[in-house]
All heavy atoms as atom14 arrays in JSON, in Angstrom:
{
  "sequence": "PALFHRRSRRDFRNAVLSRWPIEQDAKLVLPHPSRHARTHRI",
  "atom14_mask": [
    [1, 1, 1, 1, 1, 1, 1, 0, 0, 0, 0, 0, 0, 0],
    [1, 1, 1, 1, 1, 0, 0, 0, 0, 0, 0, 0, 0, 0],
    [1, 1, 1, 1, 1, 1, 1, 1, 0, 0, 0, 0, 0, 0],
    [1, 1, 1, 1, 1, 1, 1, 1, 1, 1, 1, 0, 0, 0],
    [1, 1, 1, 1, 1, 1, 1, 1, 1, 1, 0, 0, 0, 0],
    [1, 1, 1, 1, 1, 1, 1, 1, 1, 1, 1, 0, 0, 0],
    [1, 1, 1, 1, 1, 1, 1, 1, 1, 1, 1, 0, 0, 0],
    [1, 1, 1, 1, 1, 1, 0, 0, 0, 0, 0, 0, 0, 0],
    [1, 1, 1, 1, 1, 1, 1, 1, 1, 1, 1, 0, 0, 0],
    [1, 1, 1, 1, 1, 1, 1, 1, 1, 1, 1, 0, 0, 0],
    [1, 1, 1, 1, 1, 1, 1, 1, 0, 0, 0, 0, 0, 0],
    [1, 1, 1, 1, 1, 1, 1, 1, 1, 1, 1, 0, 0, 0],
    [1, 1, 1, 1, 1, 1, 1, 1, 1, 1, 1, 0, 0, 0],
    [1, 1, 1, 1, 1, 1, 1, 1, 0, 0, 0, 0, 0, 0],
    [1, 1, 1, 1, 1, 0, 0, 0, 0, 0, 0, 0, 0, 0],
    [1, 1, 1, 1, 1, 1, 1, 0, 0, 0, 0, 0, 0, 0],
    [1, 1, 1, 1, 1, 1, 1, 1, 0, 0, 0, 0, 0, 0],
    [1, 1, 1, 1, 1, 1, 0, 0, 0, 0, 0, 0, 0, 0],
    [1, 1, 1, 1, 1, 1, 1, 1, 1, 1, 1, 0, 0, 0],
    [1, 1, 1, 1, 1, 1, 1, 1, 1, 1, 1, 1, 1, 1],
    [1, 1, 1, 1, 1, 1, 1, 0, 0, 0, 0, 0, 0, 0],
    [1, 1, 1, 1, 1, 1, 1, 1, 0, 0, 0, 0, 0, 0],
    [1, 1, 1, 1, 1, 1, 1, 1, 1, 0, 0, 0, 0, 0],
    [1, 1, 1, 1, 1, 1, 1, 1, 1, 0, 0, 0, 0, 0],
    [1, 1, 1, 1, 1, 1, 1, 1, 0, 0, 0, 0, 0, 0],
    [1, 1, 1, 1, 1, 0, 0, 0, 0, 0, 0, 0, 0, 0],
    [1, 1, 1, 1, 1, 1, 1, 1, 1, 0, 0, 0, 0, 0],
    [1, 1, 1, 1, 1, 1, 1, 1, 0, 0, 0, 0, 0, 0],
    [1, 1, 1, 1, 1, 1, 1, 0, 0, 0, 0, 0, 0, 0],
    [1, 1, 1, 1, 1, 1, 1, 1, 0, 0, 0, 0, 0, 0],
    [1, 1, 1, 1, 1, 1, 1, 0, 0, 0, 0, 0, 0, 0],
    [1, 1, 1, 1, 1, 1, 1, 1, 1, 1, 0, 0, 0, 0],
    [1, 1, 1, 1, 1, 1, 1, 0, 0, 0, 0, 0, 0, 0],
    [1, 1, 1, 1, 1, 1, 0, 0, 0, 0, 0, 0, 0, 0],
    [1, 1, 1, 1, 1, 1, 1, 1, 1, 1, 1, 0, 0, 0],
    [1, 1, 1, 1, 1, 1, 1, 1, 1, 1, 0, 0, 0, 0],
    [1, 1, 1, 1, 1, 0, 0, 0, 0, 0, 0, 0, 0, 0],
    [1, 1, 1, 1, 1, 1, 1, 1, 1, 1, 1, 0, 0, 0],
    [1, 1, 1, 1, 1, 1, 1, 0, 0, 0, 0, 0, 0, 0],
    [1, 1, 1, 1, 1, 1, 1, 1, 1, 1, 0, 0, 0, 0],
    [1, 1, 1, 1, 1, 1, 1, 1, 1, 1, 1, 0, 0, 0],
    [1, 1, 1, 1, 1, 1, 1, 1, 0, 0, 0, 0, 0, 0]
  ],
  "atom14_positions": [
    [[-6.79, -5.69, 14.63], [-6.69, -6.65, 13.52], [-7.37, -8.02, 13.91], [-7.55, -8.29, 15.09], [-5.21, -6.86, 13.36], [-4.67, -6.69, 14.77], [-5.53, -5.67, 15.41], [0.0, 0.0, 0.0], [0.0, 0.0, 0.0], [0.0, 0.0, 0.0], [0.0, 0.0, 0.0], [0.0, 0.0, 0.0], [0.0, 0.0, 0.0], [0.0, 0.0, 0.0]],
    [[-7.72, -8.78, 12.85], [-8.25, -10.1, 13.09], [-7.52, -11.15, 12.29], [-7.56, -12.34, 12.65], [-9.7, -10.12, 12.73], [0.0, 0.0, 0.0], [0.0, 0.0, 0.0], [0.0, 0.0, 0.0], [0.0, 0.0, 0.0], [0.0, 0.0, 0.0], [0.0, 0.0, 0.0], [0.0, 0.0, 0.0], [0.0, 0.0, 0.0], [0.0, 0.0, 0.0]],
    [[-6.87, -10.76, 11.2], [-6.17, -11.73, 10.39], [-4.96, -11.11, 9.7], [-4.86, -9.88, 9.54], [-7.07, -12.35, 9.33], [-7.76, -11.4, 8.28], [-6.85, -11.14, 7.09], [-9.06, -11.99, 7.8], [0.0, 0.0, 0.0], [0.0, 0.0, 0.0], [0.0, 0.0, 0.0], [0.0, 0.0, 0.0], [0.0, 0.0, 0.0], [0.0, 0.0, 0.0]],
    [[-4.04, -11.94, 9.31], [-2.86, -11.52, 8.57], [-3.03, -11.94, 7.13], [-3.18, -13.16, 6.83], [-1.59, -12.14, 9.16], [-0.33, -11.7, 8.45], [0.19, -10.44, 8.61], [0.35, -12.61, 7.56], [1.34, -10.05, 7.95], [1.45, -12.22, 6.89], [2.01, -10.96, 7.13], [0.0, 0.0, 0.0], [0.0, 0.0, 0.0], [0.0, 0.0, 0.0]],
    [[-3.05, -11.02, 6.21], [-3.26, -11.26, 4.76], [-1.96, -11.6, 4.18], [-1.09, -10.74, 4.02], [-3.91, -10.08, 4.12], [-4.46, -10.35, 2.76], [-3.82, -9.98, 1.62], [-5.6, -10.96, 2.34], [-4.5, -10.37, 0.55], [-5.62, -10.93, 1.0], [0.0, 0.0, 0.0], [0.0, 0.0, 0.0], [0.0, 0.0, 0.0], [0.0, 0.0, 0.0]],
    [[-1.71, -12.87, 3.77], [-0.4, -13.29, 3.3], [0.05, -12.63, 2.06], [1.21, -12.29, 1.86], [-0.42, -14.8, 3.16], [-0.59, -15.58, 4.47], [-0.56, -17.05, 4.26], [-0.74, -17.77, 5.54], [-0.8, -19.13, 5.59], [-0.7, -19.86, 4.53], [-0.98, -19.7, 6.8], [0.0, 0.0, 0.0], [0.0, 0.0, 0.0], [0.0, 0.0, 0.0]],
    [[-0.9, -12.4, 1.17], [-0.49, -11.78, -0.13], [0.02, -10.34, 0.02], [1.06, -9.99, -0.53], [-1.68, -11.84, -1.12], [-1.31, -11.28, -2.51], [-2.5, -11.46, -3.48], [-2.87, -12.85, -3.6], [-3.92, -13.29, -4.26], [-4.72, -12.4, -4.86], [-4.24, -14.56, -4.37], [0.0, 0.0, 0.0], [0.0, 0.0, 0.0], [0.0, 0.0, 0.0]],
    [[-0.69, -9.56, 0.85], [-0.27, -8.17, 1.04], [0.68, -8.0, 2.25], [1.29, -6.97, 2.44], [-1.47, -7.27, 1.27], [-2.15, -7.65, 2.44], [0.0, 0.0, 0.0], [0.0, 0.0, 0.0], [0.0, 0.0, 0.0], [0.0, 0.0, 0.0], [0.0, 0.0, 0.0], [0.0, 0.0, 0.0], [0.0, 0.0, 0.0], [0.0, 0.0, 0.0]],
    [[0.76, -9.1, 3.07], [1.6, -9.1, 4.28], [1.21, -7.94, 5.23], [2.08, -7.24, 5.77], [3.09, -9.01, 3.88], [3.55, -10.13, 2.97], [5.05, -10.23, 2.85], [5.63, -10.53, 4.16], [5.68, -11.76, 4.7], [5.13, -12.77, 4.07], [6.27, -11.96, 5.88], [0.0, 0.0, 0.0], [0.0, 0.0, 0.0], [0.0, 0.0, 0.0]],
    [[-0.1, -7.81, 5.42], [-0.59, -6.81, 6.34], [-1.7, -7.45, 7.22], [-2.38, -8.38, 6.8], [-1.18, -5.61, 5.61], [-0.1, -4.75, 4.94], [-0.78, -3.51, 4.32], [-1.58, -3.85, 3.18], [-2.54, -3.04, 2.64], [-2.73, -1.84, 3.14], [-3.21, -3.39, 1.56], [0.0, 0.0, 0.0], [0.0, 0.0, 0.0], [0.0, 0.0, 0.0]],
    [[-1.9, -6.87, 8.43], [-3.03, -7.22, 9.26], [-4.26, -6.43, 8.77], [-4.13, -5.31, 8.27], [-2.77, -6.83, 10.71], [-1.69, -7.71, 11.32], [-1.71, -8.94, 11.1], [-0.85, -7.19, 12.03], [0.0, 0.0, 0.0], [0.0, 0.0, 0.0], [0.0, 0.0, 0.0], [0.0, 0.0, 0.0], [0.0, 0.0, 0.0], [0.0, 0.0, 0.0]],
    [[-5.42, -7.02, 8.96], [-6.69, -6.35, 8.55], [-7.8, -6.61, 9.54], [-7.89, -7.62, 10.18], [-7.15, -6.9, 7.16], [-6.34, -6.37, 6.03], [-5.36, -7.14, 5.44], [-6.55, -5.1, 5.57], [-4.62, -6.68, 4.39], [-5.79, -4.59, 4.49], [-4.83, -5.39, 3.92], [0.0, 0.0, 0.0], [0.0, 0.0, 0.0], [0.0, 0.0, 0.0]],
    [[-8.71, -5.65, 9.6], [-10.09, -5.77, 10.1], [-10.71, -4.43, 10.36], [-10.75, -3.6, 9.44], [-10.2, -6.68, 11.32], [-11.6, -7.31, 11.41], [-12.18, -7.78, 10.08], [-11.77, -9.08, 9.68], [-11.82, -9.45, 8.34], [-12.24, -8.62, 7.45], [-11.38, -10.63, 8.03], [0.0, 0.0, 0.0], [0.0, 0.0, 0.0], [0.0, 0.0, 0.0]],
    [[-11.12, -4.08, 11.59], [-12.05, -3.0, 11.83], [-11.48, -1.82, 12.6], [-10.66, -2.02, 13.52], [-13.28, -3.5, 12.51], [-13.79, -4.77, 11.89], [-13.99, -4.86, 10.7], [-14.05, -5.8, 12.67], [0.0, 0.0, 0.0], [0.0, 0.0, 0.0], [0.0, 0.0, 0.0], [0.0, 0.0, 0.0], [0.0, 0.0, 0.0], [0.0, 0.0, 0.0]],
    [[-12.0, -0.62, 12.35], [-11.62, 0.57, 13.08], [-12.86, 1.4, 13.45], [-13.87, 1.38, 12.74], [-10.67, 1.44, 12.24], [0.0, 0.0, 0.0], [0.0, 0.0, 0.0], [0.0, 0.0, 0.0], [0.0, 0.0, 0.0], [0.0, 0.0, 0.0], [0.0, 0.0, 0.0], [0.0, 0.0, 0.0], [0.0, 0.0, 0.0], [0.0, 0.0, 0.0]],
    [[-12.77, 2.08, 14.58], [-13.76, 3.08, 14.98], [-13.04, 4.43, 15.05], [-12.0, 4.53, 15.73], [-14.37, 2.76, 16.36], [-15.23, 3.88, 16.83], [-15.15, 1.42, 16.28], [0.0, 0.0, 0.0], [0.0, 0.0, 0.0], [0.0, 0.0, 0.0], [0.0, 0.0, 0.0], [0.0, 0.0, 0.0], [0.0, 0.0, 0.0], [0.0, 0.0, 0.0]],
    [[-13.65, 5.43, 14.42], [-13.16, 6.8, 14.45], [-14.22, 7.67, 15.14], [-15.39, 7.45, 14.86], [-12.85, 7.35, 13.1], [-11.56, 6.93, 12.35], [-11.43, 5.44, 12.25], [-11.49, 7.6, 10.99], [0.0, 0.0, 0.0], [0.0, 0.0, 0.0], [0.0, 0.0, 0.0], [0.0, 0.0, 0.0], [0.0, 0.0, 0.0], [0.0, 0.0, 0.0]],
    [[-13.79, 8.62, 15.97], [-14.75, 9.42, 16.73], [-14.28, 10.84, 16.92], [-13.05, 11.09, 17.16], [-14.97, 8.79, 18.14], [-15.72, 9.67, 18.95], [0.0, 0.0, 0.0], [0.0, 0.0, 0.0], [0.0, 0.0, 0.0], [0.0, 0.0, 0.0], [0.0, 0.0, 0.0], [0.0, 0.0, 0.0], [0.0, 0.0, 0.0], [0.0, 0.0, 0.0]],
    [[-15.16, 11.79, 16.83], [-14.83, 13.21, 17.1], [-14.73, 13.48, 18.62], [-14.23, 14.53, 19.02], [-15.88, 14.13, 16.5], [-15.85, 14.16, 14.98], [-16.24, 15.5, 14.42], [-16.22, 15.41, 12.98], [-15.12, 15.57, 12.24], [-13.98, 15.82, 12.83], [-15.17, 15.49, 10.9], [0.0, 0.0, 0.0], [0.0, 0.0, 0.0], [0.0, 0.0, 0.0]],
    [[-15.23, 12.52, 19.44], [-15.21, 12.68, 20.88], [-14.15, 11.74, 21.45], [-13.75, 10.73, 20.79], [-16.58, 12.4, 21.46], [-17.58, 13.4, 20.96], [-17.73, 14.71, 21.38], [-18.58, 13.16, 19.99], [-18.75, 15.3, 20.7], [-19.28, 14.37, 19.81], [-18.94, 12.08, 19.21], [-20.34, 14.52, 18.93], [-20.0, 12.16, 18.33], [-20.68, 13.41, 18.19]],
    [[-13.74, 11.95, 22.69], [-12.69, 11.12, 23.3], [-13.12, 9.66, 23.4], [-14.26, 9.37, 23.78], [-12.49, 11.74, 24.68], [-12.96, 13.16, 24.55], [-14.06, 13.12, 23.53], [0.0, 0.0, 0.0], [0.0, 0.0, 0.0], [0.0, 0.0, 0.0], [0.0, 0.0, 0.0], [0.0, 0.0, 0.0], [0.0, 0.0, 0.0], [0.0, 0.0, 0.0]],
    [[-12.25, 8.77, 23.1], [-12.39, 7.36, 23.32], [-11.85, 6.99, 24.66], [-10.62, 7.08, 24.88], [-11.77, 6.52, 22.19], [-12.42, 6.81, 20.85], [-11.86, 5.02, 22.51], [-11.75, 6.15, 19.69], [0.0, 0.0, 0.0], [0.0, 0.0, 0.0], [0.0, 0.0, 0.0], [0.0, 0.0, 0.0], [0.0, 0.0, 0.0], [0.0, 0.0, 0.0]],
    [[-12.72, 6.57, 25.61], [-12.29, 6.33, 26.96], [-11.83, 4.9, 27.17], [-10.95, 4.63, 28.01], [-13.41, 6.65, 27.95], [-13.81, 8.13, 27.93], [-14.82, 8.49, 28.98], [-15.59, 7.55, 29.41], [-14.84, 9.64, 29.45], [0.0, 0.0, 0.0], [0.0, 0.0, 0.0], [0.0, 0.0, 0.0], [0.0, 0.0, 0.0], [0.0, 0.0, 0.0]],
    [[-12.44, 3.96, 26.46], [-12.03, 2.56, 26.54], [-12.22, 1.95, 25.14], [-12.92, 2.42, 24.29], [-12.95, 1.79, 27.51], [-12.82, 2.21, 28.97], [-13.74, 1.41, 29.86], [-14.9, 1.15, 29.5], [-13.28, 1.02, 31.02], [0.0, 0.0, 0.0], [0.0, 0.0, 0.0], [0.0, 0.0, 0.0], [0.0, 0.0, 0.0], [0.0, 0.0, 0.0]],
    [[-11.45, 0.85, 24.94], [-11.62, 0.1, 23.7], [-11.37, -1.35, 23.94], [-10.8, -1.76, 24.95], [-10.69, 0.65, 22.59], [-9.22, 0.6, 22.98], [-8.64, -0.51, 22.9], [-8.67, 1.61, 23.41], [0.0, 0.0, 0.0], [0.0, 0.0, 0.0], [0.0, 0.0, 0.0], [0.0, 0.0, 0.0], [0.0, 0.0, 0.0], [0.0, 0.0, 0.0]],
    [[-11.89, -2.2, 23.01], [-11.76, -3.67, 23.17], [-11.85, -4.36, 21.87], [-12.43, -3.83, 20.9], [-12.8, -4.18, 24.12], [0.0, 0.0, 0.0], [0.0, 0.0, 0.0], [0.0, 0.0, 0.0], [0.0, 0.0, 0.0], [0.0, 0.0, 0.0], [0.0, 0.0, 0.0], [0.0, 0.0, 0.0], [0.0, 0.0, 0.0], [0.0, 0.0, 0.0]],
    [[-11.25, -5.54, 21.77], [-11.38, -6.43, 20.66], [-12.35, -7.54, 21.01], [-12.03, -8.31, 21.97], [-10.03, -6.98, 20.27], [-10.01, -7.98, 19.13], [-8.59, -8.43, 18.84], [-8.55, -9.46, 17.72], [-7.13, -9.85, 17.39], [0.0, 0.0, 0.0], [0.0, 0.0, 0.0], [0.0, 0.0, 0.0], [0.0, 0.0, 0.0], [0.0, 0.0, 0.0]],
    [[-13.46, -7.61, 20.39], [-14.47, -8.65, 20.69], [-14.4, -9.76, 19.64], [-14.7, -9.53, 18.5], [-15.87, -7.98, 20.68], [-17.07, -8.9, 21.0], [-16.95, -9.41, 22.39], [-18.37, -8.13, 20.8], [0.0, 0.0, 0.0], [0.0, 0.0, 0.0], [0.0, 0.0, 0.0], [0.0, 0.0, 0.0], [0.0, 0.0, 0.0], [0.0, 0.0, 0.0]],
    [[-13.97, -10.93, 20.05], [-13.79, -12.06, 19.13], [-15.18, -12.72, 18.99], [-15.81, -13.08, 19.98], [-12.75, -13.07, 19.66], [-12.67, -14.28, 18.7], [-11.4, -12.39, 19.8], [0.0, 0.0, 0.0], [0.0, 0.0, 0.0], [0.0, 0.0, 0.0], [0.0, 0.0, 0.0], [0.0, 0.0, 0.0], [0.0, 0.0, 0.0], [0.0, 0.0, 0.0]],
    [[-15.61, -12.9, 17.76], [-16.93, -13.42, 17.47], [-16.93, -14.93, 17.3], [-15.94, -15.49, 16.91], [-17.5, -12.73, 16.23], [-17.55, -11.2, 16.27], [-18.17, -10.65, 14.98], [-18.34, -10.68, 17.47], [0.0, 0.0, 0.0], [0.0, 0.0, 0.0], [0.0, 0.0, 0.0], [0.0, 0.0, 0.0], [0.0, 0.0, 0.0], [0.0, 0.0, 0.0]],
    [[-18.08, -15.59, 17.54], [-18.1, -17.02, 17.42], [-18.1, -17.45, 15.95], [-18.28, -16.64, 15.07], [-19.47, -17.36, 18.08], [-20.3, -16.15, 17.92], [-19.35, -14.99, 18.04], [0.0, 0.0, 0.0], [0.0, 0.0, 0.0], [0.0, 0.0, 0.0], [0.0, 0.0, 0.0], [0.0, 0.0, 0.0], [0.0, 0.0, 0.0], [0.0, 0.0, 0.0]],
    [[-17.89, -18.74, 15.74], [-17.96, -19.41, 14.43], [-16.78, -19.04, 13.53], [-16.88, -18.08, 12.73], [-19.26, -19.14, 13.74], [-20.5, -19.52, 14.57], [-20.76, -20.84, 14.96], [-21.5, -18.76, 15.08], [-21.85, -20.87, 15.63], [-22.32, -19.62, 15.78], [0.0, 0.0, 0.0], [0.0, 0.0, 0.0], [0.0, 0.0, 0.0], [0.0, 0.0, 0.0]],
    [[-15.68, -19.77, 13.59], [-14.56, -19.47, 12.69], [-14.94, -19.83, 11.23], [-15.88, -20.6, 10.97], [-13.45, -20.38, 13.22], [-14.18, -21.52, 13.89], [-15.42, -20.91, 14.49], [0.0, 0.0, 0.0], [0.0, 0.0, 0.0], [0.0, 0.0, 0.0], [0.0, 0.0, 0.0], [0.0, 0.0, 0.0], [0.0, 0.0, 0.0], [0.0, 0.0, 0.0]],
    [[-14.17, -19.3, 10.3], [-14.3, -19.6, 8.9], [-14.14, -21.08, 8.62], [-13.28, -21.77, 9.22], [-13.25, -18.81, 8.11], [-13.08, -19.37, 6.82], [0.0, 0.0, 0.0], [0.0, 0.0, 0.0], [0.0, 0.0, 0.0], [0.0, 0.0, 0.0], [0.0, 0.0, 0.0], [0.0, 0.0, 0.0], [0.0, 0.0, 0.0], [0.0, 0.0, 0.0]],
    [[-14.97, -21.61, 7.78], [-14.9, -23.04, 7.38], [-13.53, -23.38, 6.82], [-13.03, -24.49, 6.96], [-15.97, -23.37, 6.36], [-17.38, -23.29, 6.82], [-18.33, -23.9, 5.78], [-19.7, -23.73, 6.14], [-20.56, -22.88, 5.59], [-20.06, -21.98, 4.7], [-21.84, -22.8, 5.95], [0.0, 0.0, 0.0], [0.0, 0.0, 0.0], [0.0, 0.0, 0.0]],
    [[-12.95, -22.42, 6.1], [-11.71, -22.73, 5.29], [-10.48, -22.3, 6.03], [-9.6, -23.16, 6.31], [-11.84, -22.02, 3.94], [-13.12, -22.34, 3.22], [-13.36, -23.57, 2.66], [-14.19, -21.55, 2.98], [-14.58, -23.54, 2.14], [-15.08, -22.37, 2.31], [0.0, 0.0, 0.0], [0.0, 0.0, 0.0], [0.0, 0.0, 0.0], [0.0, 0.0, 0.0]],
    [[-10.34, -21.04, 6.42], [-9.11, -20.58, 7.03], [-9.13, -20.75, 8.56], [-8.06, -20.61, 9.2], [-8.94, -19.09, 6.73], [0.0, 0.0, 0.0], [0.0, 0.0, 0.0], [0.0, 0.0, 0.0], [0.0, 0.0, 0.0], [0.0, 0.0, 0.0], [0.0, 0.0, 0.0], [0.0, 0.0, 0.0], [0.0, 0.0, 0.0], [0.0, 0.0, 0.0]],
    [[-10.31, -21.08, 9.14], [-10.39, -21.21, 10.6], [-10.11, -19.94, 11.36], [-9.73, -20.01, 12.53], [-9.54, -22.36, 11.12], [-9.74, -23.69, 10.38], [-11.19, -24.1, 10.35], [-11.75, -24.33, 11.68], [-13.03, -24.59, 11.94], [-13.93, -24.58, 10.97], [-13.46, -24.81, 13.18], [0.0, 0.0, 0.0], [0.0, 0.0, 0.0], [0.0, 0.0, 0.0]],
    [[-10.16, -18.81, 10.71], [-9.95, -17.54, 11.36], [-11.26, -17.03, 11.96], [-12.38, -17.38, 11.49], [-9.43, -16.5, 10.36], [-10.32, -16.38, 9.26], [-8.02, -16.84, 9.88], [0.0, 0.0, 0.0], [0.0, 0.0, 0.0], [0.0, 0.0, 0.0], [0.0, 0.0, 0.0], [0.0, 0.0, 0.0], [0.0, 0.0, 0.0], [0.0, 0.0, 0.0]],
    [[-11.16, -16.17, 12.97], [-12.37, -15.6, 13.66], [-12.59, -14.2, 13.21], [-11.62, -13.38, 13.12], [-12.19, -15.65, 15.17], [-12.47, -17.0, 15.74], [-13.71, -17.38, 16.22], [-11.63, -18.07, 15.94], [-13.68, -18.59, 16.68], [-12.41, -19.03, 16.54], [0.0, 0.0, 0.0], [0.0, 0.0, 0.0], [0.0, 0.0, 0.0], [0.0, 0.0, 0.0]],
    [[-13.84, -13.8, 13.02], [-14.22, -12.42, 12.81], [-14.25, -11.74, 14.18], [-14.38, -12.34, 15.25], [-15.58, -12.34, 12.18], [-15.62, -12.99, 10.77], [-14.97, -12.07, 9.74], [-14.85, -12.75, 8.43], [-14.92, -12.1, 7.29], [-15.18, -10.83, 7.24], [-14.79, -12.77, 6.16], [0.0, 0.0, 0.0], [0.0, 0.0, 0.0], [0.0, 0.0, 0.0]],
    [[-14.14, -10.36, 14.14], [-14.11, -9.6, 15.35], [-15.02, -8.36, 15.21], [-15.45, -8.03, 14.09], [-12.7, -9.15, 15.74], [-12.22, -8.06, 14.77], [-11.74, -10.29, 15.83], [-11.1, -7.21, 15.26], [0.0, 0.0, 0.0], [0.0, 0.0, 0.0], [0.0, 0.0, 0.0], [0.0, 0.0, 0.0], [0.0, 0.0, 0.0], [0.0, 0.0, 0.0]]
  ]
}
């Protein structure tokens, strides 16, 4: 997840699905927060 959506009261962002085994995973926080909410994309 990257943010908590207050209206729906759920976390949201990105997923990777694979037919092969996932050996490692990571959350990469991207630069430049939102001008308004100050949240970061990932």
